[in-house]
PDB file of N, CA and C in Angstrom:
ATOM      1  N   MET A   1       0.818  -1.187   0.000  1.00  0.00           N
ATOM      2  CA  MET A   1       0.000   0.000   0.000  1.00  0.00           C
ATOM      3  C   MET A   1       0.864   1.254   0.000  1.00  0.00           C
ATOM      4  N   GLN A   2       1.960   1.168   0.706  1.00  0.00           N
ATOM      5  CA  GLN A   2       2.847   2.322   0.780  1.00  0.00           C
ATOM      6  C   GLN A   2       3.450   2.648  -0.592  1.00  0.00           C
ATOM      7  N   ILE A   3       3.719   1.628  -1.373  1.00  0.00           N
ATOM      8  CA  ILE A   3       4.258   1.841  -2.724  1.00  0.00           C
ATOM      9  C   ILE A   3       3.233   2.561  -3.590  1.00  0.00           C
ATOM     10  N   VAL A   4       1.987   2.143  -3.513  1.00  0.00           N
ATOM     11  CA  VAL A   4       0.919   2.786  -4.291  1.00  0.00           C
ATOM     12  C   VAL A   4       0.775   4.248  -3.873  1.00  0.00           C
ATOM     13  N   GLU A   5       0.755   4.484  -2.578  1.00  0.00           N
ATOM     14  CA  GLU A   5       0.629   5.862  -2.064  1.00  0.00           C
ATOM     15  C   GLU A   5       1.793   6.725  -2.551  1.00  0.00           C
ATOM     16  N   THR A   6       2.993   6.173  -2.549  1.00  0.00           N
ATOM     17  CA  THR A   6       4.170   6.909  -3.024  1.00  0.00           C
ATOM     18  C   THR A   6       4.042   7.242  -4.512  1.00  0.00           C
ATOM     19  N   GLU A   7       3.530   6.308  -5.300  1.00  0.00           N
ATOM     20  CA  GLU A   7       3.329   6.563  -6.729  1.00  0.00           C
ATOM     21  C   GLU A   7       2.319   7.688  -6.954  1.00  0.00           C
ATOM     22  N   PHE A   8       1.248   7.701  -6.161  1.00  0.00           N
ATOM     23  CA  PHE A   8       0.255   8.779  -6.253  1.00  0.00           C
ATOM     24  C   PHE A   8       0.897  10.122  -5.937  1.00  0.00           C
ATOM     25  N   ILE A   9       1.694  10.157  -4.881  1.00  0.00           N
ATOM     26  CA  ILE A   9       2.351  11.391  -4.458  1.00  0.00           C
ATOM     27  C   ILE A   9       3.322  11.882  -5.533  1.00  0.00           C
ATOM     28  N   LEU A  10       4.112  10.986  -6.103  1.00  0.00           N
ATOM     29  CA  LEU A  10       5.069  11.375  -7.145  1.00  0.00           C
ATOM     30  C   LEU A  10       4.356  11.895  -8.393  1.00  0.00           C
ATOM     31  N   SER A  11       3.254  11.273  -8.754  1.00  0.00           N
ATOM     32  CA  SER A  11       2.476  11.730  -9.896  1.00  0.00           C
ATOM     33  C   SER A  11       1.954  13.150  -9.661  1.00  0.00           C
ATOM     34  N   ASP A  12       1.397  13.374  -8.472  1.00  0.00           N
ATOM     35  CA  ASP A  12       0.876  14.703  -8.142  1.00  0.00           C
ATOM     36  C   ASP A  12       1.988  15.741  -8.080  1.00  0.00           C
ATOM     37  N   LEU A  13       3.120  15.346  -7.544  1.00  0.00           N
ATOM     38  CA  LEU A  13       4.257  16.260  -7.437  1.00  0.00           C
ATOM     39  C   LEU A  13       4.724  16.707  -8.815  1.00  0.00           C
ATOM     40  N   SER A  14       4.735  15.815  -9.772  1.00  0.00           N
ATOM     41  CA  SER A  14       5.111  16.155 -11.142  1.00  0.00           C
ATOM     42  C   SER A  14       4.151  17.193 -11.741  1.00  0.00           C
ATOM     43  N   ILE A  15       2.864  16.980 -11.536  1.00  0.00           N
ATOM     44  CA  ILE A  15       1.852  17.917 -12.043  1.00  0.00           C
ATOM     45  C   ILE A  15       2.035  19.283 -11.393  1.00  0.00           C
ATOM     46  N   ILE A  16       2.257  19.292 -10.095  1.00  0.00           N
ATOM     47  CA  ILE A  16       2.397  20.551  -9.358  1.00  0.00           C
ATOM     48  C   ILE A  16       3.657  21.299  -9.775  1.00  0.00           C
ATOM     49  N   GLU A  17       4.764  20.585  -9.957  1.00  0.00           N
ATOM     50  CA  GLU A  17       6.007  21.236 -10.391  1.00  0.00           C
ATOM     51  C   GLU A  17       5.809  21.928 -11.742  1.00  0.00           C
ATOM     52  N   ASN A  18       5.144  21.256 -12.674  1.00  0.00           N
ATOM     53  CA  ASN A  18       4.883  21.851 -13.982  1.00  0.00           C
ATOM     54  C   ASN A  18       3.989  23.079 -13.860  1.00  0.00           C
ATOM     55  N   ARG A  19       2.963  22.987 -13.016  1.00  0.00           N
ATOM     56  CA  ARG A  19       2.039  24.111 -12.852  1.00  0.00           C
ATOM     57  C   ARG A  19       2.733  25.292 -12.187  1.00  0.00           C
ATOM     58  N   ILE A  20       3.566  25.039 -11.194  1.00  0.00           N
ATOM     59  CA  ILE A  20       4.303  26.127 -10.541  1.00  0.00           C
ATOM     60  C   ILE A  20       5.193  26.844 -11.551  1.00  0.00           C
ATOM     61  N   SER A  21       5.865  26.089 -12.385  1.00  0.00           N
ATOM     62  CA  SER A  21       6.733  26.676 -13.399  1.00  0.00           C
ATOM     63  C   SER A  21       5.937  27.594 -14.338  1.00  0.00           C
ATOM     64  N   ARG A  22       4.786  27.103 -14.808  1.00  0.00           N
ATOM     65  CA  ARG A  22       3.957  27.921 -15.706  1.00  0.00           C
ATOM     66  C   ARG A  22       3.417  29.165 -15.009  1.00  0.00           C
ATOM     67  N   LEU A  23       2.991  29.014 -13.759  1.00  0.00           N
ATOM     68  CA  LEU A  23       2.450  30.155 -13.018  1.00  0.00           C
ATOM     69  C   LEU A  23       3.520  31.219 -12.782  1.00  0.00           C
ATOM     70  N   GLU A  24       4.738  30.801 -12.473  1.00  0.00           N
ATOM     71  CA  GLU A  24       5.815  31.763 -12.250  1.00  0.00           C
ATOM     72  C   GLU A  24       6.102  32.551 -13.524  1.00  0.00           C
ATOM     73  N   LYS A  25       6.044  31.904 -14.676  1.00  0.00           N
ATOM     74  CA  LYS A  25       6.236  32.611 -15.949  1.00  0.00           C
ATOM     75  C   LYS A  25       5.094  33.586 -16.197  1.00  0.00           C
ATOM     76  N   GLN A  26       3.856  33.142 -15.947  1.00  0.00           N
ATOM     77  CA  GLN A  26       2.689  34.007 -16.146  1.00  0.00           C
ATOM     78  C   GLN A  26       2.761  35.226 -15.230  1.00  0.00           C
ATOM     79  N   ILE A  27       3.117  35.010 -13.989  1.00  0.00           N
ATOM     80  CA  ILE A  27       3.183  36.111 -13.022  1.00  0.00           C
ATOM     81  C   ILE A  27       4.302  37.075 -13.397  1.00  0.00           C
ATOM     82  N   GLY A  28       5.363  36.570 -14.002  1.00  0.00           N
ATOM     83  CA  GLY A  28       6.451  37.428 -14.466  1.00  0.00           C
ATOM     84  C   GLY A  28       5.997  38.395 -15.548  1.00  0.00           C
ATOM     85  N   ARG A  29       5.044  37.960 -16.381  1.00  0.00           N
ATOM     86  CA  ARG A  29       4.515  38.824 -17.452  1.00  0.00           C
ATOM     87  C   ARG A  29       3.432  39.766 -16.940  1.00  0.00           C
ATOM     88  N   ALA A  30       2.487  39.236 -16.186  1.00  0.00           N
ATOM     89  CA  ALA A  30       1.373  40.032 -15.660  1.00  0.00           C
ATOM     90  C   ALA A  30       0.961  39.451 -14.319  1.00  0.00           C
ATOM     91  N   LYS A  31       0.905  40.297 -13.322  1.00  0.00           N
ATOM     92  CA  LYS A  31       0.602  39.830 -11.970  1.00  0.00           C
ATOM     93  C   LYS A  31      -0.894  39.897 -11.702  1.00  0.00           C
ATOM     94  N   TYR A  32      -1.558  38.782 -11.947  1.00  0.00           N
ATOM     95  CA  TYR A  32      -2.971  38.675 -11.629  1.00  0.00           C
ATOM     96  C   TYR A  32      -3.108  38.044 -10.249  1.00  0.00           C
ATOM     97  N   GLU A  33      -3.996  38.612  -9.439  1.00  0.00           N
ATOM     98  CA  GLU A  33      -4.189  38.137  -8.067  1.00  0.00           C
ATOM     99  C   GLU A  33      -4.565  36.655  -8.024  1.00  0.00           C
ATOM    100  N   GLU A  34      -5.383  36.206  -8.952  1.00  0.00           N
ATOM    101  CA  GLU A  34      -5.803  34.802  -8.988  1.00  0.00           C
ATOM    102  C   GLU A  34      -4.618  33.866  -9.217  1.00  0.00           C
ATOM    103  N   ASP A  35      -3.714  34.266 -10.116  1.00  0.00           N
ATOM    104  CA  ASP A  35      -2.518  33.449 -10.369  1.00  0.00           C
ATOM    105  C   ASP A  35      -1.614  33.393  -9.141  1.00  0.00           C
ATOM    106  N   ILE A  36      -1.497  34.505  -8.441  1.00  0.00           N
ATOM    107  CA  ILE A  36      -0.652  34.558  -7.247  1.00  0.00           C
ATOM    108  C   ILE A  36      -1.215  33.644  -6.156  1.00  0.00           C
ATOM    109  N   ARG A  37      -2.535  33.664  -5.969  1.00  0.00           N
ATOM    110  CA  ARG A  37      -3.160  32.786  -4.971  1.00  0.00           C
ATOM    111  C   ARG A  37      -2.997  31.314  -5.349  1.00  0.00           C
ATOM    112  N   GLU A  38      -3.142  31.007  -6.648  1.00  0.00           N
ATOM    113  CA  GLU A  38      -2.969  29.625  -7.087  1.00  0.00           C
ATOM    114  C   GLU A  38      -1.527  29.167  -6.886  1.00  0.00           C
ATOM    115  N   LEU A  39      -0.569  30.044  -7.154  1.00  0.00           N
ATOM    116  CA  LEU A  39       0.840  29.713  -6.953  1.00  0.00           C
ATOM    117  C   LEU A  39       1.113  29.402  -5.480  1.00  0.00           C
ATOM    118  N   GLU A  40       0.565  30.201  -4.580  1.00  0.00           N
ATOM    119  CA  GLU A  40       0.735  29.949  -3.145  1.00  0.00           C
ATOM    120  C   GLU A  40       0.151  28.589  -2.760  1.00  0.00           C
ATOM    121  N   LEU A  41      -1.023  28.263  -3.308  1.00  0.00           N
ATOM    122  CA  LEU A  41      -1.664  26.988  -3.034  1.00  0.00           C
ATOM    123  C   LEU A  41      -0.810  25.828  -3.561  1.00  0.00           C
ATOM    124  N   MET A  42      -0.298  25.962  -4.773  1.00  0.00           N
ATOM    125  CA  MET A  42       0.535  24.911  -5.363  1.00  0.00           C
ATOM    126  C   MET A  42       1.820  24.705  -4.564  1.00  0.00           C
ATOM    127  N   LYS A  43       2.373  25.770  -4.029  1.00  0.00           N
ATOM    128  CA  LYS A  43       3.579  25.652  -3.208  1.00  0.00           C
ATOM    129  C   LYS A  43       3.276  24.942  -1.893  1.00  0.00           C
ATOM    130  N   ARG A  44       2.090  25.196  -1.325  1.00  0.00           N
ATOM    131  CA  ARG A  44       1.674  24.466  -0.116  1.00  0.00           C
ATOM    132  C   ARG A  44       1.522  22.984  -0.428  1.00  0.00           C
ATOM    133  N   PHE A  45       0.915  22.690  -1.589  1.00  0.00           N
ATOM    134  CA  PHE A  45       0.760  21.289  -2.013  1.00  0.00           C
ATOM    135  C   PHE A  45       2.115  20.624  -2.188  1.00  0.00           C
ATOM    136  N   ARG A  46       3.029  21.336  -2.841  1.00  0.00           N
ATOM    137  CA  ARG A  46       4.363  20.767  -3.079  1.00  0.00           C
ATOM    138  C   ARG A  46       5.054  20.440  -1.760  1.00  0.00           C
ATOM    139  N   GLU A  47       4.962  21.342  -0.806  1.00  0.00           N
ATOM    140  CA  GLU A  47       5.593  21.117   0.499  1.00  0.00           C
ATOM    141  C   GLU A  47       5.010  19.874   1.175  1.00  0.00           C
ATOM    142  N   MET A  48       3.699  19.738   1.107  1.00  0.00           N
ATOM    143  CA  MET A  48       3.062  18.573   1.725  1.00  0.00           C
ATOM    144  C   MET A  48       3.503  17.284   1.041  1.00  0.00           C
ATOM    145  N   LEU A  49       3.520  17.284  -0.285  1.00  0.00           N
ATOM    146  CA  LEU A  49       3.914  16.087  -1.027  1.00  0.00           C
ATOM    147  C   LEU A  49       5.388  15.749  -0.817  1.00  0.00           C
ATOM    148  N   GLU A  50       6.231  16.762  -0.732  1.00  0.00           N
ATOM    149  CA  GLU A  50       7.652  16.518  -0.468  1.00  0.00           C
ATOM    150  C   GLU A  50       7.866  15.906   0.911  1.00  0.00           C
ATOM    151  N   ASN A  51       6.924  16.137   1.829  1.00  0.00           N
ATOM    152  CA  ASN A  51       6.967  15.513   3.151  1.00  0.00           C
ATOM    153  C   ASN A  51       6.239  14.169   3.161  1.00  0.00           C
ATOM    154  N   GLU A  52       5.974  13.646   1.956  1.00  0.00           N
ATOM    155  CA  GLU A  52       5.352  12.337   1.750  1.00  0.00           C
ATOM    156  C   GLU A  52       3.971  12.220   2.385  1.00  0.00           C
ATOM    157  N   GLN A  53       3.213  13.313   2.338  1.00  0.00           N
ATOM    158  CA  GLN A  53       1.844  13.309   2.836  1.00  0.00           C
ATOM    159  C   GLN A  53       0.893  13.503   1.661  1.00  0.00           C
ATOM    160  N   PRO A  54      -0.133  12.667   1.558  1.00  0.00           N
ATOM    161  CA  PRO A  54      -1.086  12.820   0.461  1.00  0.00           C
ATOM    162  C   PRO A  54      -1.933  14.083   0.637  1.00  0.00           C
ATOM    163  N   LEU A  55      -2.403  14.625  -0.462  1.00  0.00           N
ATOM    164  CA  LEU A  55      -3.185  15.857  -0.424  1.00  0.00           C
ATOM    165  C   LEU A  55      -4.530  15.673   0.269  1.00  0.00           C
ATOM    166  N   ARG A  56      -5.030  14.444   0.362  1.00  0.00           N
ATOM    167  CA  ARG A  56      -6.321  14.223   1.017  1.00  0.00           C
ATOM    168  C   ARG A  56      -6.275  14.590   2.494  1.00  0.00           C
ATOM    169  N   GLU A  57      -5.087  14.671   3.070  1.00  0.00           N
ATOM    170  CA  GLU A  57      -4.937  15.007   4.482  1.00  0.00           C
ATOM    171  C   GLU A  57      -4.875  16.510   4.732  1.00  0.00           C
ATOM    172  N   MET A  58      -4.918  17.305   3.677  1.00  0.00           N
ATOM    173  CA  MET A  58      -4.799  18.747   3.801  1.00  0.00           C
ATOM    174  C   MET A  58      -6.174  19.394   3.966  1.00  0.00           C
ATOM    175  N   GLU A  59      -6.264  20.323   4.881  1.00  0.00           N
ATOM    176  CA  GLU A  59      -7.495  21.095   5.075  1.00  0.00           C
ATOM    177  C   GLU A  59      -7.571  22.153   3.981  1.00  0.00           C
ATOM    178  N   LEU A  60      -8.673  22.148   3.239  1.00  0.00           N
ATOM    179  CA  LEU A  60      -8.855  23.104   2.148  1.00  0.00           C
ATOM    180  C   LEU A  60     -10.170  23.859   2.316  1.00  0.00           C
ATOM    181  N   THR A  61     -10.167  25.109   1.886  1.00  0.00           N
ATOM    182  CA  THR A  61     -11.406  25.874   1.862  1.00  0.00           C
ATOM    183  C   THR A  61     -12.207  25.442   0.633  1.00  0.00           C
ATOM    184  N   GLU A  62     -13.451  25.817   0.595  1.00  0.00           N
ATOM    185  CA  GLU A  62     -14.290  25.462  -0.549  1.00  0.00           C
ATOM    186  C   GLU A  62     -13.749  26.094  -1.832  1.00  0.00           C
ATOM    187  N   ASP A  63     -13.229  27.313  -1.734  1.00  0.00           N
ATOM    188  CA  ASP A  63     -12.653  27.998  -2.891  1.00  0.00           C
ATOM    189  C   ASP A  63     -11.422  27.244  -3.402  1.00  0.00           C
ATOM    190  N   GLU A  64     -10.595  26.756  -2.484  1.00  0.00           N
ATOM    191  CA  GLU A  64      -9.407  25.993  -2.874  1.00  0.00           C
ATOM    192  C   GLU A  64      -9.799  24.668  -3.516  1.00  0.00           C
ATOM    193  N   ARG A  65     -10.834  24.035  -3.011  1.00  0.00           N
ATOM    194  CA  ARG A  65     -11.317  22.784  -3.606  1.00  0.00           C
ATOM    195  C   ARG A  65     -11.780  23.012  -5.047  1.00  0.00           C
ATOM    196  N   LYS A  66     -12.442  24.127  -5.285  1.00  0.00           N
ATOM    197  CA  LYS A  66     -12.903  24.447  -6.639  1.00  0.00           C
ATOM    198  C   LYS A  66     -11.721  24.663  -7.580  1.00  0.00           C
ATOM    199  N   LYS A  67     -10.677  25.310  -7.079  1.00  0.00           N
ATOM    200  CA  LYS A  67      -9.501  25.591  -7.914  1.00  0.00           C
ATOM    201  C   LYS A  67      -8.783  24.329  -8.365  1.00  0.00           C
ATOM    202  N   ILE A  68      -8.764  23.312  -7.524  1.00  0.00           N
ATOM    203  CA  ILE A  68      -7.993  22.106  -7.864  1.00  0.00           C
ATOM    204  C   ILE A  68      -8.850  21.016  -8.494  1.00  0.00           C
ATOM    205  N   ARG A  69     -10.127  21.240  -8.613  1.00  0.00           N
ATOM    206  CA  ARG A  69     -11.029  20.201  -9.120  1.00  0.00           C
ATOM    207  C   ARG A  69     -10.595  19.671 -10.485  1.00  0.00           C
ATOM    208  N   GLY A  70     -10.104  20.501 -11.346  1.00  0.00           N
ATOM    209  CA  GLY A  70      -9.718  20.089 -12.688  1.00  0.00           C
ATOM    210  C   GLY A  70      -8.395  19.339 -12.776  1.00  0.00           C
ATOM    211  N   TYR A  71      -7.614  19.342 -11.717  1.00  0.00           N
ATOM    212  CA  TYR A  71      -6.295  18.707 -11.760  1.00  0.00           C
ATOM    213  C   TYR A  71      -6.330  17.196 -11.599  1.00  0.00           C
ATOM    214  N   GLN A  72      -7.320  16.657 -10.933  1.00  0.00           N
ATOM    215  CA  GLN A  72      -7.434  15.208 -10.721  1.00  0.00           C
ATOM    216  C   GLN A  72      -6.215  14.633  -9.995  1.00  0.00           C
ATOM    217  N   PHE A  73      -5.807  15.297  -8.917  1.00  0.00           N
ATOM    218  CA  PHE A  73      -4.687  14.795  -8.122  1.00  0.00           C
ATOM    219  C   PHE A  73      -5.051  13.443  -7.521  1.00  0.00           C
ATOM    220  N   LEU A  74      -4.212  12.454  -7.712  1.00  0.00           N
ATOM    221  CA  LEU A  74      -4.487  11.103  -7.223  1.00  0.00           C
ATOM    222  C   LEU A  74      -4.452  11.019  -5.697  1.00  0.00           C
ATOM    223  N   SER A  75      -3.515  11.733  -5.078  1.00  0.00           N
ATOM    224  CA  SER A  75      -3.403  11.639  -3.624  1.00  0.00           C
ATOM    225  C   SER A  75      -4.455  12.477  -2.902  1.00  0.00           C
ATOM    226  N   ALA A  76      -5.261  13.232  -3.645  1.00  0.00           N
ATOM    227  CA  ALA A  76      -6.338  14.017  -3.030  1.00  0.00           C
ATOM    228  C   ALA A  76      -7.642  13.228  -2.980  1.00  0.00           C
ATOM    229  N   LYS A  77      -7.714  12.164  -3.732  1.00  0.00           N
ATOM    230  CA  LYS A  77      -8.947  11.376  -3.802  1.00  0.00           C
ATOM    231  C   LYS A  77      -9.095  10.496  -2.558  1.00  0.00           C
ATOM    232  N   PRO A  78     -10.341  10.246  -2.149  1.00  0.00           N
ATOM    233  CA  PRO A  78     -10.549   9.314  -1.026  1.00  0.00           C
ATOM    234  C   PRO A  78      -9.970   7.949  -1.387  1.00  0.00           C
ATOM    235  N   LEU A  79      -9.517   7.237  -0.385  1.00  0.00           N
ATOM    236  CA  LEU A  79      -8.859   5.955  -0.591  1.00  0.00           C
ATOM    237  C   LEU A  79      -9.696   4.845   0.038  1.00  0.00           C
ATOM    238  N   ILE A  80     -10.001   3.840  -0.749  1.00  0.00           N
ATOM    239  CA  ILE A  80     -10.707   2.663  -0.250  1.00  0.00           C
ATOM    240  C   ILE A  80      -9.768   1.472  -0.426  1.00  0.00           C
ATOM    241  N   ILE A  81      -9.435   0.842   0.681  1.00  0.00           N
ATOM    242  CA  ILE A  81      -8.540  -0.309   0.657  1.00  0.00           C
ATOM    243  C   ILE A  81      -9.389  -1.547   0.933  1.00  0.00           C
ATOM    244  N   VAL A  82      -9.413  -2.452  -0.017  1.00  0.00           N
ATOM    245  CA  VAL A  82     -10.166  -3.696   0.139  1.00  0.00           C
ATOM    246  C   VAL A  82      -9.175  -4.851   0.065  1.00  0.00           C
ATOM    247  N   ILE A  83      -9.132  -5.639   1.122  1.00  0.00           N
ATOM    248  CA  ILE A  83      -8.236  -6.781   1.201  1.00  0.00           C
ATOM    249  C   ILE A  83      -9.054  -8.042   0.938  1.00  0.00           C
ATOM    250  N   ASN A  84      -8.678  -8.793  -0.077  1.00  0.00           N
ATOM    251  CA  ASN A  84      -9.335 -10.060  -0.387  1.00  0.00           C
ATOM    252  C   ASN A  84      -8.446 -11.172   0.152  1.00  0.00           C
ATOM    253  N   TYR A  85      -8.980 -11.951   1.062  1.00  0.00           N
ATOM    254  CA  TYR A  85      -8.190 -13.025   1.651  1.00  0.00           C
ATOM    255  C   TYR A  85      -8.917 -14.356   1.494  1.00  0.00           C
ATOM    256  N   ALA A  86      -8.197 -15.440   1.665  1.00  0.00           N
ATOM    257  CA  ALA A  86      -8.730 -16.786   1.480  1.00  0.00           C
ATOM    258  C   ALA A  86      -9.657 -17.158   2.635  1.00  0.00           C
ATOM    259  N   GLU A  87     -10.560 -18.099   2.368  1.00  0.00           N
ATOM    260  CA  GLU A  87     -11.478 -18.572   3.407  1.00  0.00           C
ATOM    261  C   GLU A  87     -10.715 -19.111   4.612  1.00  0.00           C
ATOM    262  N   SER A  88      -9.592 -19.711   4.361  1.00  0.00           N
ATOM    263  CA  SER A  88      -8.787 -20.254   5.464  1.00  0.00           C
ATOM    264  C   SER A  88      -8.214 -19.151   6.359  1.00  0.00           C
ATOM    265  N   ASP A  89      -8.211 -17.908   5.875  1.00  0.00           N
ATOM    266  CA  ASP A  89      -7.667 -16.789   6.653  1.00  0.00           C
ATOM    267  C   ASP A  89      -8.736 -16.003   7.399  1.00  0.00           C
ATOM    268  N   ILE A  90     -10.009 -16.429   7.325  1.00  0.00           N
ATOM    269  CA  ILE A  90     -11.095 -15.681   7.964  1.00  0.00           C
ATOM    270  C   ILE A  90     -10.834 -15.500   9.457  1.00  0.00           C
ATOM    271  N   SER A  91     -10.352 -16.514  10.104  1.00  0.00           N
ATOM    272  CA  SER A  91     -10.088 -16.405  11.543  1.00  0.00           C
ATOM    273  C   SER A  91      -8.972 -15.396  11.831  1.00  0.00           C
ATOM    274  N   GLY A  92      -8.136 -15.137  10.869  1.00  0.00           N
ATOM    275  CA  GLY A  92      -7.025 -14.194  11.047  1.00  0.00           C
ATOM    276  C   GLY A  92      -7.279 -12.842  10.407  1.00  0.00           C
ATOM    277  N   GLU A  93      -8.549 -12.534  10.159  1.00  0.00           N
ATOM    278  CA  GLU A  93      -8.889 -11.259   9.491  1.00  0.00           C
ATOM    279  C   GLU A  93      -8.336 -10.058  10.253  1.00  0.00           C
ATOM    280  N   ALA A  94      -8.471 -10.079  11.580  1.00  0.00           N
ATOM    281  CA  ALA A  94      -7.992  -8.957  12.385  1.00  0.00           C
ATOM    282  C   ALA A  94      -6.488  -8.753  12.213  1.00  0.00           C
ATOM    283  N   VAL A  95      -5.760  -9.841  12.108  1.00  0.00           N
ATOM    284  CA  VAL A  95      -4.303  -9.750  11.926  1.00  0.00           C
ATOM    285  C   VAL A  95      -3.979  -9.155  10.562  1.00  0.00           C
ATOM    286  N   ILE A  96      -4.717  -9.599   9.557  1.00  0.00           N
ATOM    287  CA  ILE A  96      -4.484  -9.095   8.201  1.00  0.00           C
ATOM    288  C   ILE A  96      -4.777  -7.598   8.134  1.00  0.00           C
ATOM    289  N   LEU A  97      -5.913  -7.190   8.687  1.00  0.00           N
ATOM    290  CA  LEU A  97      -6.292  -5.774   8.649  1.00  0.00           C
ATOM    291  C   LEU A  97      -5.406  -4.922   9.561  1.00  0.00           C
ATOM    292  N   ALA A  98      -4.848  -5.520  10.596  1.00  0.00           N
ATOM    293  CA  ALA A  98      -3.967  -4.782  11.510  1.00  0.00           C
ATOM    294  C   ALA A  98      -2.710  -4.286  10.805  1.00  0.00           C
ATOM    295  N   LYS A  99      -2.325  -4.962   9.739  1.00  0.00           N
ATOM    296  CA  LYS A  99      -1.148  -4.530   8.979  1.00  0.00           C
ATOM    297  C   LYS A  99      -1.363  -3.165   8.336  1.00  0.00           C
ATOM    298  N   LEU A 100      -2.619  -2.751   8.234  1.00  0.00           N
ATOM    299  CA  LEU A 100      -2.948  -1.456   7.627  1.00  0.00           C
ATOM    300  C   LEU A 100      -3.342  -0.414   8.668  1.00  0.00           C
ATOM    301  N   ASP A 101      -2.976  -0.642   9.922  1.00  0.00           N
ATOM    302  CA  ASP A 101      -3.325   0.292  10.996  1.00  0.00           C
ATOM    303  C   ASP A 101      -2.838   1.714  10.726  1.00  0.00           C
ATOM    304  N   ALA A 102      -1.752   1.862  10.010  1.00  0.00           N
ATOM    305  CA  ALA A 102      -1.219   3.190   9.719  1.00  0.00           C
ATOM    306  C   ALA A 102      -2.218   4.023   8.910  1.00  0.00           C
ATOM    307  N   TYR A 103      -3.094   3.361   8.163  1.00  0.00           N
ATOM    308  CA  TYR A 103      -4.073   4.070   7.332  1.00  0.00           C
ATOM    309  C   TYR A 103      -5.430   4.178   8.017  1.00  0.00           C
ATOM    310  N   LYS A 104      -5.620   3.449   9.081  1.00  0.00           N
ATOM    311  CA  LYS A 104      -6.924   3.294   9.715  1.00  0.00           C
ATOM    312  C   LYS A 104      -7.579   4.612  10.136  1.00  0.00           C
ATOM    313  N   ASN A 105      -6.841   5.508  10.735  1.00  0.00           N
ATOM    314  CA  ASN A 105      -7.401   6.741  11.270  1.00  0.00           C
ATOM    315  C   ASN A 105      -7.115   7.965  10.405  1.00  0.00           C
ATOM    316  N   LYS A 106      -6.706   7.752   9.189  1.00  0.00           N
ATOM    317  CA  LYS A 106      -6.415   8.877   8.305  1.00  0.00           C
ATOM    318  C   LYS A 106      -7.688   9.390   7.646  1.00  0.00           C
ATOM    319  N   ALA A 107      -7.639  10.649   7.287  1.00  0.00           N
ATOM    320  CA  ALA A 107      -8.790  11.283   6.644  1.00  0.00           C
ATOM    321  C   ALA A 107      -9.066  10.663   5.282  1.00  0.00           C
ATOM    322  N   SER A 108     -10.306  10.458   4.983  1.00  0.00           N
ATOM    323  CA  SER A 108     -10.766   9.962   3.683  1.00  0.00           C
ATOM    324  C   SER A 108     -10.198   8.603   3.303  1.00  0.00           C
ATOM    325  N   VAL A 109      -9.947   7.749   4.296  1.00  0.00           N
ATOM    326  CA  VAL A 109      -9.458   6.390   4.034  1.00  0.00           C
ATOM    327  C   VAL A 109     -10.400   5.400   4.720  1.00  0.00           C
ATOM    328  N   LYS A 110     -10.873   4.442   3.957  1.00  0.00           N
ATOM    329  CA  LYS A 110     -11.712   3.368   4.491  1.00  0.00           C
ATOM    330  C   LYS A 110     -11.042   2.039   4.173  1.00  0.00           C
ATOM    331  N   ILE A 111     -11.065   1.124   5.137  1.00  0.00           N
ATOM    332  CA  ILE A 111     -10.439  -0.182   4.983  1.00  0.00           C
ATOM    333  C   ILE A 111     -11.466  -1.268   5.283  1.00  0.00           C
ATOM    334  N   THR A 112     -11.491  -2.267   4.455  1.00  0.00           N
ATOM    335  CA  THR A 112     -12.364  -3.407   4.714  1.00  0.00           C
ATOM    336  C   THR A 112     -11.715  -4.669   4.158  1.00  0.00           C
ATOM    337  N   GLY A 113     -12.183  -5.779   4.640  1.00  0.00           N
ATOM    338  CA  GLY A 113     -11.713  -7.069   4.140  1.00  0.00           C
ATOM    339  C   GLY A 113     -12.885  -7.872   3.627  1.00  0.00           C
ATOM    340  N   LEU A 114     -12.616  -8.759   2.718  1.00  0.00           N
ATOM    341  CA  LEU A 114     -13.662  -9.641   2.204  1.00  0.00           C
ATOM    342  C   LEU A 114     -13.051 -10.942   1.751  1.00  0.00           C
ATOM    343  N   CYS A 115     -13.903 -11.892   1.587  1.00  0.00           N
ATOM    344  CA  CYS A 115     -13.473 -13.203   1.132  1.00  0.00           C
ATOM    345  C   CYS A 115     -14.305 -13.536  -0.091  1.00  0.00           C
ATOM    346  N   ALA A 116     -13.717 -13.392  -1.250  1.00  0.00           N
ATOM    347  CA  ALA A 116     -14.459 -13.617  -2.490  1.00  0.00           C
ATOM    348  C   ALA A 116     -13.544 -14.264  -3.522  1.00  0.00           C
ATOM    349  N   SER A 117     -14.132 -15.136  -4.312  1.00  0.00           N
ATOM    350  CA  SER A 117     -13.346 -15.726  -5.390  1.00  0.00           C
ATOM    351  C   SER A 117     -13.767 -15.069  -6.693  1.00  0.00           C
ATOM    352  N   PHE A 118     -12.824 -14.937  -7.600  1.00  0.00           N
ATOM    353  CA  PHE A 118     -13.073 -14.314  -8.879  1.00  0.00           C
ATOM    354  C   PHE A 118     -12.995 -15.376  -9.961  1.00  0.00           C
ATOM    355  N   ILE A 119     -13.965 -15.368 -10.826  1.00  0.00           N
ATOM    356  CA  ILE A 119     -13.996 -16.359 -11.888  1.00  0.00           C
ATOM    357  C   ILE A 119     -13.608 -15.716 -13.197  1.00  0.00           C
TER     358      ILE A 119
END
């Protein structure tokens, strides 16, 4: 799970770095207040991602949520972790799910286990 989360963070970081670069060029030509606010927001995002924290853990205002809606940041999306385990492991479900305790109390993360076969 940690590998997947890291991939999401790296993907978002790449998008943010490109956007910061473009915004800095735009602001150099003409200083629009909206661009300056977006640049500040992107820098906050970059700092959080560089600290290996997903964007879903960041407190955002409604205006900030509207600004980033078009970016489709992977680490900002709610996370649902579903563990599929064998019938023989049903008695050990708590042990299996305990391995994900680090994600258990995080914002916008839900964890569940199931026992299903796929045909």
